[in-house]
Amino acid sequence: MKANTIIVSFNNRSVPPQYAYRYQIIFFEENGNAEFKLFKGDEKDEKMIVSEQKKFDTEIFLQLLYLVNNLENSQKNPAMVGGSERIINVNSKKITIAPDDDLGVSLFNRLLKLYSTDFQNQINFNLNL
């Protein structure tokens, strides 16, 4: 049986370069490790400011995997332009989460919490160093 991988990524590309950042968390079911990377700057001048790994609860991972596998790409409001980009990749299947997709955003946030219960504060701390 193939082990599952979920990649959660966020990019707030619609802001001035000095405020731009993106992050990615890769969850590997096989070994129960998650790899987190945080980048600061725009695409032309991006620098990795955090790279770390930690263990996660694979039981919760499998529950979230089941829910994420039932998500579809959300295009509720195609008139929306710009904004931050949230993507969940499940075993190479890309799911784009629209800002008004409450279920998608909720699952995205639950995956962040799986990595760290204090994830947003961790992001803010590292961006403000």
Protein backbone atom coordinates (compact mmCIF):
# COMPACT_ATOMS: atom_id res chain seq x y z
CA MET A 1 0.00 0.00 0.00
CA LYS A 2 1.33 3.42 -0.98
CA ALA A 3 1.84 5.94 1.83
CA ASN A 4 0.01 9.24 1.46
CA THR A 5 1.54 12.69 1.20
CA ILE A 6 -0.26 15.99 1.71
CA ILE A 7 1.33 19.31 0.78
CA VAL A 8 -0.26 22.45 2.19
CA SER A 9 0.93 25.72 0.66
CA PHE A 10 0.03 29.37 1.11
CA ASN A 11 1.20 32.40 -0.88
CA ASN A 12 0.17 35.98 -0.13
CA ARG A 13 1.58 37.23 -3.43
CA SER A 14 -0.83 40.16 -3.76
CA VAL A 15 1.09 42.41 -1.35
CA PRO A 16 4.16 44.67 -1.80
CA PRO A 17 7.44 42.68 -1.96
CA GLN A 18 8.59 43.63 1.55
CA TYR A 19 5.45 41.98 2.99
CA ALA A 20 5.29 38.98 0.67
CA TYR A 21 5.74 35.49 2.08
CA ARG A 22 4.79 31.92 1.39
CA TYR A 23 5.00 28.65 3.25
CA GLN A 24 4.71 24.97 2.57
CA ILE A 25 4.17 21.99 4.86
CA ILE A 26 4.66 18.48 3.55
CA PHE A 27 3.09 15.69 5.62
CA PHE A 28 4.56 12.21 5.02
CA GLU A 29 2.27 9.46 6.31
CA GLU A 30 5.00 6.84 5.89
CA ASN A 31 7.21 8.18 8.69
CA GLY A 32 4.84 10.60 10.47
CA ASN A 33 7.12 13.56 9.78
CA ALA A 34 6.12 16.98 8.49
CA GLU A 35 8.53 19.35 6.79
CA PHE A 36 7.86 23.09 7.09
CA LYS A 37 9.47 25.82 4.98
CA LEU A 38 8.81 29.56 5.22
CA PHE A 39 9.97 32.00 2.54
CA LYS A 40 10.01 35.79 2.74
CA GLY A 41 10.06 38.21 -0.19
CA ASP A 42 8.61 38.19 -3.66
CA GLU A 43 9.33 35.63 -6.37
CA LYS A 44 12.38 37.57 -7.64
CA ASP A 45 14.05 38.01 -4.25
CA GLU A 46 12.76 35.18 -2.08
CA LYS A 47 14.74 33.87 0.90
CA MET A 48 14.02 30.79 3.01
CA ILE A 49 13.87 31.93 6.64
CA VAL A 50 12.67 28.70 8.30
CA SER A 51 13.16 25.04 7.50
CA GLU A 52 12.26 22.43 10.11
CA GLN A 53 10.73 19.00 10.63
CA LYS A 54 8.55 17.58 13.36
CA LYS A 55 6.37 14.59 14.09
CA PHE A 56 2.59 14.73 13.70
CA ASP A 57 -0.34 12.58 14.80
CA THR A 58 -0.92 10.12 11.93
CA GLU A 59 -4.36 9.17 13.25
CA ILE A 60 -5.58 12.76 12.87
CA PHE A 61 -3.76 12.94 9.52
CA LEU A 62 -5.78 9.98 8.20
CA GLN A 63 -9.04 11.57 9.34
CA LEU A 64 -8.17 14.82 7.57
CA LEU A 65 -6.99 12.90 4.50
CA TYR A 66 -10.43 11.32 4.19
CA LEU A 67 -12.11 14.76 4.34
CA VAL A 68 -9.63 16.41 1.96
CA ASN A 69 -10.04 13.60 -0.58
CA ASN A 70 -13.71 14.58 -0.81
CA LEU A 71 -12.90 18.23 -1.55
CA GLU A 72 -13.11 19.56 -5.06
CA ASN A 73 -11.42 22.64 -6.47
CA SER A 74 -13.54 25.51 -5.25
CA GLN A 75 -14.42 28.13 -7.81
CA LYS A 76 -17.46 29.60 -6.08
CA ASN A 77 -16.78 33.17 -7.15
CA PRO A 78 -14.76 33.29 -10.37
CA ALA A 79 -15.06 37.09 -10.37
CA MET A 80 -12.66 37.29 -7.40
CA VAL A 81 -9.23 38.48 -8.50
CA GLY A 82 -5.99 38.56 -6.51
CA GLY A 83 -5.73 37.61 -2.90
CA SER A 84 -3.77 34.91 -1.16
CA GLU A 85 -3.51 31.45 -2.61
CA ARG A 86 -4.22 28.32 -0.58
CA ILE A 87 -3.48 24.95 -2.14
CA ILE A 88 -3.70 21.39 -0.82
CA ASN A 89 -1.96 18.68 -2.84
CA VAL A 90 -2.98 15.13 -1.98
CA ASN A 91 -0.79 12.51 -3.62
CA SER A 92 -0.14 14.94 -6.51
CA LYS A 93 -3.82 15.94 -6.88
CA LYS A 94 -3.92 19.76 -6.63
CA ILE A 95 -6.88 21.36 -4.88
CA THR A 96 -7.11 25.16 -4.94
CA ILE A 97 -9.07 26.62 -2.02
CA ALA A 98 -11.06 29.77 -2.78
CA PRO A 99 -11.28 32.39 0.00
CA ASP A 100 -15.07 31.92 0.22
CA ASP A 101 -14.89 28.10 0.45
CA ASP A 102 -15.61 27.67 4.15
CA LEU A 103 -15.08 23.88 4.18
CA GLY A 104 -11.83 24.12 2.20
CA VAL A 105 -10.45 26.91 4.38
CA SER A 106 -11.45 24.99 7.51
CA LEU A 107 -9.65 21.83 6.35
CA PHE A 108 -6.62 23.89 5.31
CA ASN A 109 -6.50 25.44 8.80
CA ARG A 110 -6.93 22.04 10.47
CA LEU A 111 -3.88 20.78 8.57
CA LEU A 112 -1.92 23.81 9.83
CA LYS A 113 -3.04 22.98 13.36
CA LEU A 114 -1.93 19.36 12.85
CA TYR A 115 1.57 20.71 12.28
CA SER A 116 1.45 23.18 15.18
CA THR A 117 -1.40 24.28 17.43
CA ASP A 118 0.21 27.73 17.49
CA PHE A 119 0.97 27.91 13.76
CA GLN A 120 -0.11 31.51 13.04
CA ASN A 121 1.94 32.86 15.93
CA GLN A 122 4.92 30.86 14.66
CA ILE A 123 4.52 32.47 11.23
CA ASN A 124 4.15 35.97 12.69
CA PHE A 125 7.16 35.53 14.98
CA ASN A 126 9.44 34.40 12.15
CA LEU A 127 8.26 37.10 9.72
CA ASN A 128 8.87 39.84 12.29
CA LEU A 129 12.45 38.86 13.17
